[in-house]
Amino acid sequence: MNRRMVIAAAFAAAVSPALLSAQKPAPVPTFKAEKCYGIAKAGKNDCASTGANSCGGTSKLNADPKAWIYVPEGYCERIVGGSKTAK
């Protein structure tokens, strides 16, 4: 039984950093940026509004209206489907 516990603990330690890193929002870029909702490809979002998905890289839909990515300030409203607020 002890051997199983050691193997399980080692597996959990190896897997957990990969899972936790995907659950964080993207770091704020160095340029002036704004959040733009509704334009991210599936799995390429920086984060999402509450209740949509966990966070960075977890969106399941293309153009999810609750998922956002950083874009240069002033560009979001120029992009078709882009919005500064979640829908």
Protein backbone atom coordinates (compact mmCIF):
# COMPACT_ATOMS: atom_id res chain seq x y z
CA MET A 1 0.00 0.00 0.00
CA ASN A 2 2.89 2.37 0.76
CA ARG A 3 4.28 1.95 -2.73
CA ARG A 4 0.94 2.98 -4.27
CA MET A 5 0.86 6.11 -2.14
CA VAL A 6 4.36 7.11 -3.24
CA ILE A 7 3.53 6.55 -6.91
CA ALA A 8 0.24 8.45 -6.61
CA ALA A 9 1.95 11.36 -4.85
CA ALA A 10 4.68 11.52 -7.48
CA PHE A 11 2.12 11.49 -10.28
CA ALA A 12 0.06 14.23 -8.60
CA ALA A 13 3.15 16.38 -8.11
CA ALA A 14 4.12 16.00 -11.76
CA VAL A 15 0.66 16.78 -13.14
CA SER A 16 -0.52 19.58 -10.86
CA PRO A 17 1.83 22.37 -12.10
CA ALA A 18 0.61 21.84 -15.66
CA LEU A 19 -3.02 22.03 -14.58
CA LEU A 20 -2.52 25.06 -12.37
CA SER A 21 -0.66 27.05 -15.00
CA ALA A 22 -3.59 26.79 -17.42
CA GLN A 23 -5.96 28.18 -14.80
CA LYS A 24 -4.38 31.62 -14.52
CA PRO A 25 -5.17 34.74 -16.52
CA ALA A 26 -2.53 35.92 -18.94
CA PRO A 27 -0.09 38.48 -17.57
CA VAL A 28 -0.82 42.09 -18.44
CA PRO A 29 1.17 43.00 -21.57
CA THR A 30 3.84 45.68 -21.53
CA PHE A 31 1.96 47.82 -24.07
CA LYS A 32 -1.25 49.78 -23.37
CA ALA A 33 -3.92 47.12 -23.69
CA GLU A 34 -7.60 46.49 -23.20
CA LYS A 35 -9.65 43.34 -22.78
CA CYS A 36 -11.58 42.42 -25.91
CA TYR A 37 -14.41 39.88 -25.61
CA GLY A 38 -15.76 37.70 -28.39
CA ILE A 39 -12.78 37.39 -30.72
CA ALA A 40 -10.57 34.66 -29.23
CA LYS A 41 -10.19 31.28 -30.92
CA ALA A 42 -11.07 28.21 -28.86
CA GLY A 43 -8.30 27.49 -26.39
CA LYS A 44 -6.49 30.77 -27.10
CA ASN A 45 -8.27 33.12 -24.68
CA ASP A 46 -6.37 35.06 -22.01
CA CYS A 47 -9.20 34.68 -19.49
CA ALA A 48 -12.99 34.90 -19.19
CA SER A 49 -15.75 36.56 -17.28
CA THR A 50 -17.15 34.78 -14.23
CA GLY A 51 -18.90 31.50 -14.97
CA ALA A 52 -17.73 31.09 -18.55
CA ASN A 53 -14.61 28.95 -18.07
CA SER A 54 -11.69 28.67 -15.70
CA CYS A 55 -9.28 31.06 -17.35
CA GLY A 56 -6.41 31.28 -19.81
CA GLY A 57 -6.57 28.79 -22.67
CA THR A 58 -9.75 27.05 -21.53
CA SER A 59 -12.39 28.43 -23.89
CA LYS A 60 -14.21 25.72 -25.83
CA LEU A 61 -15.77 27.99 -28.48
CA ASN A 62 -14.42 30.22 -31.19
CA ALA A 63 -15.56 33.82 -30.58
CA ASP A 64 -16.94 33.00 -27.11
CA PRO A 65 -18.69 36.23 -26.02
CA LYS A 66 -17.51 35.72 -22.41
CA ALA A 67 -13.84 34.99 -23.19
CA TRP A 68 -11.35 37.80 -23.73
CA ILE A 69 -7.87 38.46 -25.02
CA TYR A 70 -5.63 41.51 -24.68
CA VAL A 71 -5.47 43.78 -27.71
CA PRO A 72 -3.75 47.16 -28.11
CA GLU A 73 -5.81 49.97 -26.62
CA GLY A 74 -8.36 51.36 -29.08
CA TYR A 75 -8.47 48.28 -31.34
CA CYS A 76 -11.24 46.18 -29.80
CA GLU A 77 -14.14 48.16 -31.21
CA ARG A 78 -12.53 48.07 -34.67
CA ILE A 79 -12.59 44.25 -34.78
CA VAL A 80 -15.76 42.57 -36.05
CA GLY A 81 -17.41 40.81 -33.12
CA GLY A 82 -15.16 42.54 -30.58
CA SER A 83 -16.66 44.08 -27.44
CA LYS A 84 -15.17 45.71 -24.34
CA THR A 85 -17.78 43.98 -22.16
CA ALA A 86 -18.85 40.36 -21.82
CA LYS A 87 -22.18 39.44 -23.39
